[in-house]
Amino acid sequence: MRRFLVTASVLLALAGSLAARPAEAPPLPERLADTGGGTQLITAEAAGTDSTTGALTWWDRRGGGWVAAGSAPARFGANGLAEGATRSQGTNTTPTGLYDLPYAFGIDAVAPGTRYPYRRVGQASWWCQDNASRSYNRWVEPRPADCRAEEAEHLVSYSTQYARALVIGFNYHRPVRGRGAGIFLHVDGKGATAGCVSVPAAAMDRILAWADPVRRPHIAVGTVSGPTAITRY
C-alpha cells in the first residue's frame, strides 16, 4: 500500500511539472500571415529595425508542417531594416516583407545542384537603379544610354558579394520609382549591406542547392516584433 502511495505521488508530481511546462512555440513559418503558397520558405529575422545582423533559416513544408532545412547568420542593411511598402531608395535599409525569388545569378560558375535559372555575370552586366530609366530595377546587358553608370551597379565589380546570389522580388514585378532597386540574397562582404540580405558563402551554396523553383520558394524578412514583425508578412 505504501509503495502504491509513493508511486502515485511521484506520478502526480510528474504530471504537474509537465502541465506547468509552457507549450513549445510552433515553427516560425506557421506563425507568419503568409508564406507565399509554396512548399519552401526562407526567413530572415532581425531583433529590431536598427539591427544589422540576424538569423536566416530555410524551411521545407512536409506532412502539413514546416521543418528547418538549414540556417546561417545573416547581415542586413547598414541602417537596419525598413517597411518594404514605404521604403525609400538610397537609405541603406533592408526592406521587410514577403517576396518571391525570380532567378539566381553570379560571377562564379553555377553551384553544384542548383536548379534555379542561373545568369552568369560578365563585364557588360549591370543592374539599373536609375529612376529615369526604362530599365529601372532590371539587369541590363549592355547598359542602355538612359541608365546612367553612376545610378547602376556594375555587377562584376562585386566579386565577393555577387559570386553567387538570388534576386529578391522586392519592387521587381511592378517597380515603383524611388522605392529601391537591386535587392538580393548574396554572399557576405566585409560588413553590413547596402540593403540586401547576405550570408556566408558556404550557406549561399547550400541555399542554391536546396531551392527548387517548382516548389515556389519565397523569402520573408522582418523583425522579432513591432510594426515590421516577420509574422505580419
Protein backbone atom coordinates (compact mmCIF):
# COMPACT_ATOMS: atom_id res chain seq x y z
CA MET A 1 0.00 0.00 0.00
CA ARG A 2 2.83 2.36 0.96
CA ARG A 3 4.62 1.59 -2.33
CA PHE A 4 1.42 2.38 -4.25
CA LEU A 5 1.03 5.74 -2.48
CA VAL A 6 4.64 6.69 -3.18
CA THR A 7 4.30 5.72 -6.85
CA ALA A 8 1.05 7.64 -7.18
CA SER A 9 2.54 10.76 -5.60
CA VAL A 10 5.54 10.59 -7.96
CA LEU A 11 3.26 10.26 -10.98
CA LEU A 12 1.14 13.18 -9.80
CA ALA A 13 4.22 15.34 -9.30
CA LEU A 14 5.50 14.43 -12.75
CA ALA A 15 2.15 15.20 -14.34
CA GLY A 16 2.08 18.54 -12.56
CA SER A 17 5.54 19.51 -13.81
CA LEU A 18 4.60 18.55 -17.37
CA ALA A 19 1.40 20.56 -17.17
CA ALA A 20 3.30 23.58 -15.88
CA ARG A 21 5.82 23.46 -18.73
CA PRO A 22 4.93 26.07 -21.37
CA ALA A 23 3.84 24.74 -24.74
CA GLU A 24 6.56 24.83 -27.39
CA ALA A 25 6.03 27.61 -29.94
CA PRO A 26 5.13 26.41 -33.44
CA PRO A 27 7.82 26.81 -36.13
CA LEU A 28 8.23 30.37 -37.39
CA PRO A 29 6.60 29.77 -40.80
CA GLU A 30 3.43 28.60 -39.08
CA ARG A 31 3.23 31.97 -37.30
CA LEU A 32 3.53 34.04 -40.49
CA ALA A 33 0.47 35.65 -42.04
CA ASP A 34 1.51 34.29 -45.44
CA THR A 35 4.26 32.04 -46.76
CA GLY A 36 3.74 32.58 -50.48
CA GLY A 37 1.82 29.38 -51.16
CA GLY A 38 4.82 27.19 -51.93
CA THR A 39 6.49 24.37 -50.03
CA GLN A 40 9.83 26.12 -49.47
CA LEU A 41 10.46 29.29 -47.48
CA ILE A 42 13.38 31.39 -46.29
CA THR A 43 13.02 33.53 -43.17
CA ALA A 44 15.44 36.36 -42.40
CA GLU A 45 14.77 37.74 -38.93
CA ALA A 46 16.43 40.61 -37.04
CA ALA A 47 16.00 41.68 -33.42
CA GLY A 48 14.80 45.18 -34.40
CA THR A 49 14.79 47.73 -37.20
CA ASP A 50 18.17 49.08 -36.07
CA SER A 51 19.80 45.64 -36.32
CA THR A 52 22.41 44.90 -38.97
CA THR A 53 22.62 41.18 -38.14
CA GLY A 54 20.17 38.36 -37.51
CA ALA A 55 19.35 34.80 -38.49
CA LEU A 56 18.36 33.23 -41.78
CA THR A 57 16.64 29.84 -41.94
CA TRP A 58 15.40 27.86 -44.90
CA TRP A 59 12.38 25.60 -44.46
CA ASP A 60 10.58 22.72 -46.15
CA ARG A 61 6.87 22.03 -45.84
CA ARG A 62 6.38 18.34 -45.06
CA GLY A 63 3.29 16.48 -43.93
CA GLY A 64 1.35 19.65 -43.31
CA GLY A 65 4.07 21.30 -41.20
CA TRP A 66 7.31 23.23 -41.65
CA VAL A 67 10.73 21.74 -40.92
CA ALA A 68 14.01 23.68 -40.86
CA ALA A 69 16.41 22.50 -43.56
CA GLY A 70 19.30 24.78 -42.60
CA SER A 71 20.28 28.08 -41.02
CA ALA A 72 23.03 30.69 -41.09
CA PRO A 73 23.87 34.09 -39.61
CA ALA A 74 22.51 36.92 -41.75
CA ARG A 75 23.51 40.51 -42.36
CA PHE A 76 21.16 43.36 -43.23
CA GLY A 77 21.44 46.98 -44.34
CA ALA A 78 23.93 49.35 -42.73
CA ASN A 79 20.96 51.38 -41.46
CA GLY A 80 18.92 48.35 -40.43
CA LEU A 81 15.53 47.40 -41.80
CA ALA A 82 12.54 49.39 -43.06
CA GLU A 83 8.96 48.59 -44.05
CA GLY A 84 9.17 47.47 -47.66
CA ALA A 85 5.92 49.12 -48.72
CA THR A 86 7.17 52.60 -47.79
CA ARG A 87 10.96 52.25 -48.05
CA SER A 88 12.96 54.94 -49.87
CA GLN A 89 15.82 54.24 -52.25
CA GLY A 90 19.33 55.05 -51.09
CA THR A 91 18.61 54.61 -47.37
CA ASN A 92 20.83 51.51 -46.93
CA THR A 93 17.92 49.69 -45.29
CA THR A 94 16.76 46.15 -45.97
CA PRO A 95 13.07 46.08 -46.96
CA THR A 96 10.81 43.94 -44.80
CA GLY A 97 8.04 41.87 -46.35
CA LEU A 98 7.37 38.63 -48.21
CA TYR A 99 8.95 38.28 -51.65
CA ASP A 100 9.48 35.71 -54.36
CA LEU A 101 12.91 34.80 -55.73
CA PRO A 102 12.82 35.32 -59.53
CA TYR A 103 16.23 33.86 -60.50
CA ALA A 104 19.82 33.26 -59.44
CA PHE A 105 22.97 34.85 -60.79
CA GLY A 106 26.65 35.07 -60.11
CA ILE A 107 30.18 35.87 -61.18
CA ASP A 108 31.25 32.32 -60.36
CA ALA A 109 30.06 29.25 -62.21
CA VAL A 110 26.73 27.80 -61.13
CA ALA A 111 26.94 25.98 -57.78
CA PRO A 112 26.55 22.18 -57.88
CA GLY A 113 22.93 21.11 -57.54
CA THR A 114 21.44 24.49 -58.47
CA ARG A 115 18.00 24.13 -60.06
CA TYR A 116 17.17 27.82 -60.35
CA PRO A 117 17.69 29.59 -63.66
CA TYR A 118 21.23 30.95 -63.27
CA ARG A 119 22.53 34.00 -65.10
CA ARG A 120 26.29 34.40 -65.32
CA VAL A 121 27.72 37.87 -64.70
CA GLY A 122 30.05 39.29 -67.34
CA GLN A 123 31.87 42.56 -67.98
CA ALA A 124 28.77 44.04 -69.64
CA SER A 125 26.36 43.10 -66.81
CA TRP A 126 24.75 45.93 -64.85
CA TRP A 127 21.78 46.35 -62.50
CA CYS A 128 19.96 49.56 -63.35
CA GLN A 129 18.88 51.71 -60.39
CA ASP A 130 18.27 54.89 -62.38
CA ASN A 131 14.77 56.16 -61.66
CA ALA A 132 14.66 57.88 -65.04
CA SER A 133 15.46 54.71 -66.98
CA ARG A 134 13.01 52.40 -68.69
CA SER A 135 15.15 49.58 -67.25
CA TYR A 136 14.72 50.61 -63.61
CA ASN A 137 15.35 47.68 -61.24
CA ARG A 138 16.40 45.35 -64.04
CA TRP A 139 19.52 43.50 -65.17
CA VAL A 140 20.80 45.23 -68.31
CA GLU A 141 23.47 43.95 -70.66
CA PRO A 142 24.87 46.14 -72.04
CA ARG A 143 23.91 49.23 -70.02
CA PRO A 144 21.49 51.36 -72.07
CA ALA A 145 22.06 55.06 -72.64
CA ASP A 146 19.15 56.06 -70.40
CA CYS A 147 20.67 54.23 -67.40
CA ARG A 148 23.50 56.35 -66.03
CA ALA A 149 26.57 54.45 -64.81
CA GLU A 150 26.53 56.36 -61.51
CA GLU A 151 22.96 55.15 -60.98
CA ALA A 152 23.67 51.48 -61.69
CA GLU A 153 25.68 48.61 -60.21
CA HIS A 154 28.41 47.10 -62.35
CA LEU A 155 27.81 43.58 -61.08
CA VAL A 156 31.25 42.20 -61.88
CA SER A 157 32.78 44.81 -59.55
CA TYR A 158 31.40 42.94 -56.52
CA SER A 159 33.46 39.78 -56.86
CA THR A 160 32.84 38.61 -53.29
CA GLN A 161 29.20 39.55 -52.75
CA TYR A 162 27.95 38.55 -56.18
CA ALA A 163 29.98 35.37 -56.50
CA ARG A 164 26.54 33.74 -56.27
CA ALA A 165 23.19 35.31 -55.42
CA LEU A 166 19.41 35.15 -55.68
CA VAL A 167 17.30 38.10 -56.82
CA ILE A 168 14.75 39.10 -54.15
CA GLY A 169 11.49 40.18 -55.76
CA PHE A 170 11.27 43.47 -53.83
CA ASN A 171 9.84 46.23 -56.07
CA TYR A 172 10.57 43.98 -59.01
CA HIS A 173 7.38 42.95 -60.78
CA ARG A 174 5.74 46.40 -60.77
CA PRO A 175 8.58 48.76 -59.87
CA VAL A 176 7.75 51.96 -58.01
CA ARG A 177 10.29 54.68 -58.78
CA GLY A 178 12.20 55.78 -55.71
CA ARG A 179 11.27 52.68 -53.71
CA GLY A 180 14.54 50.86 -54.30
CA ALA A 181 16.32 48.52 -56.68
CA GLY A 182 18.85 45.73 -56.66
CA ILE A 183 17.87 43.84 -53.50
CA PHE A 184 19.47 40.39 -53.42
CA LEU A 185 20.31 37.47 -51.17
CA HIS A 186 24.06 37.25 -51.66
CA VAL A 187 27.40 36.30 -50.12
CA ASP A 188 28.75 38.30 -47.16
CA GLY A 189 31.09 41.18 -47.84
CA LYS A 190 33.16 42.93 -45.17
CA GLY A 191 30.20 44.15 -43.13
CA ALA A 192 26.58 45.24 -43.35
CA THR A 193 24.93 45.52 -46.76
CA ALA A 194 23.51 48.45 -48.71
CA GLY A 195 20.03 46.96 -48.26
CA CYS A 196 20.40 43.34 -49.30
CA VAL A 197 20.44 40.21 -47.13
CA SER A 198 23.76 38.39 -47.03
CA VAL A 199 25.05 35.07 -45.67
CA PRO A 200 28.40 33.24 -45.64
CA ALA A 201 29.49 31.78 -48.99
CA ALA A 202 29.03 28.17 -47.87
CA ALA A 203 25.45 28.93 -46.78
CA MET A 204 24.70 30.60 -50.12
CA ASP A 205 25.79 27.45 -51.94
CA ARG A 206 23.66 25.30 -49.64
CA ILE A 207 20.63 27.50 -50.29
CA LEU A 208 21.12 27.29 -54.07
CA ALA A 209 21.40 23.50 -53.89
CA TRP A 210 18.22 23.37 -51.76
CA ALA A 211 15.99 25.89 -53.57
CA ASP A 212 13.67 24.41 -56.18
CA PRO A 213 11.66 26.88 -58.30
CA VAL A 214 8.99 24.21 -58.82
CA ARG A 215 8.29 24.46 -55.08
CA ARG A 216 7.83 28.25 -55.29
CA PRO A 217 10.19 29.40 -52.54
CA HIS A 218 9.74 32.87 -51.03
CA ILE A 219 11.72 34.92 -48.54
CA ALA A 220 10.14 36.64 -45.53
CA VAL A 221 12.18 39.47 -44.00
CA GLY A 222 11.27 41.14 -40.74
CA THR A 223 11.88 41.77 -37.07
CA VAL A 224 11.04 39.77 -33.98
CA SER A 225 8.21 42.15 -33.01
CA GLY A 226 6.67 45.54 -33.72
CA PRO A 227 5.22 47.04 -36.93
CA THR A 228 7.79 45.20 -39.07
CA ALA A 229 7.43 41.85 -37.27
CA ILE A 230 8.15 38.98 -39.62
CA THR A 231 4.88 37.31 -38.53
CA ARG A 232 2.92 40.15 -40.20
CA TYR A 233 4.04 39.09 -43.66
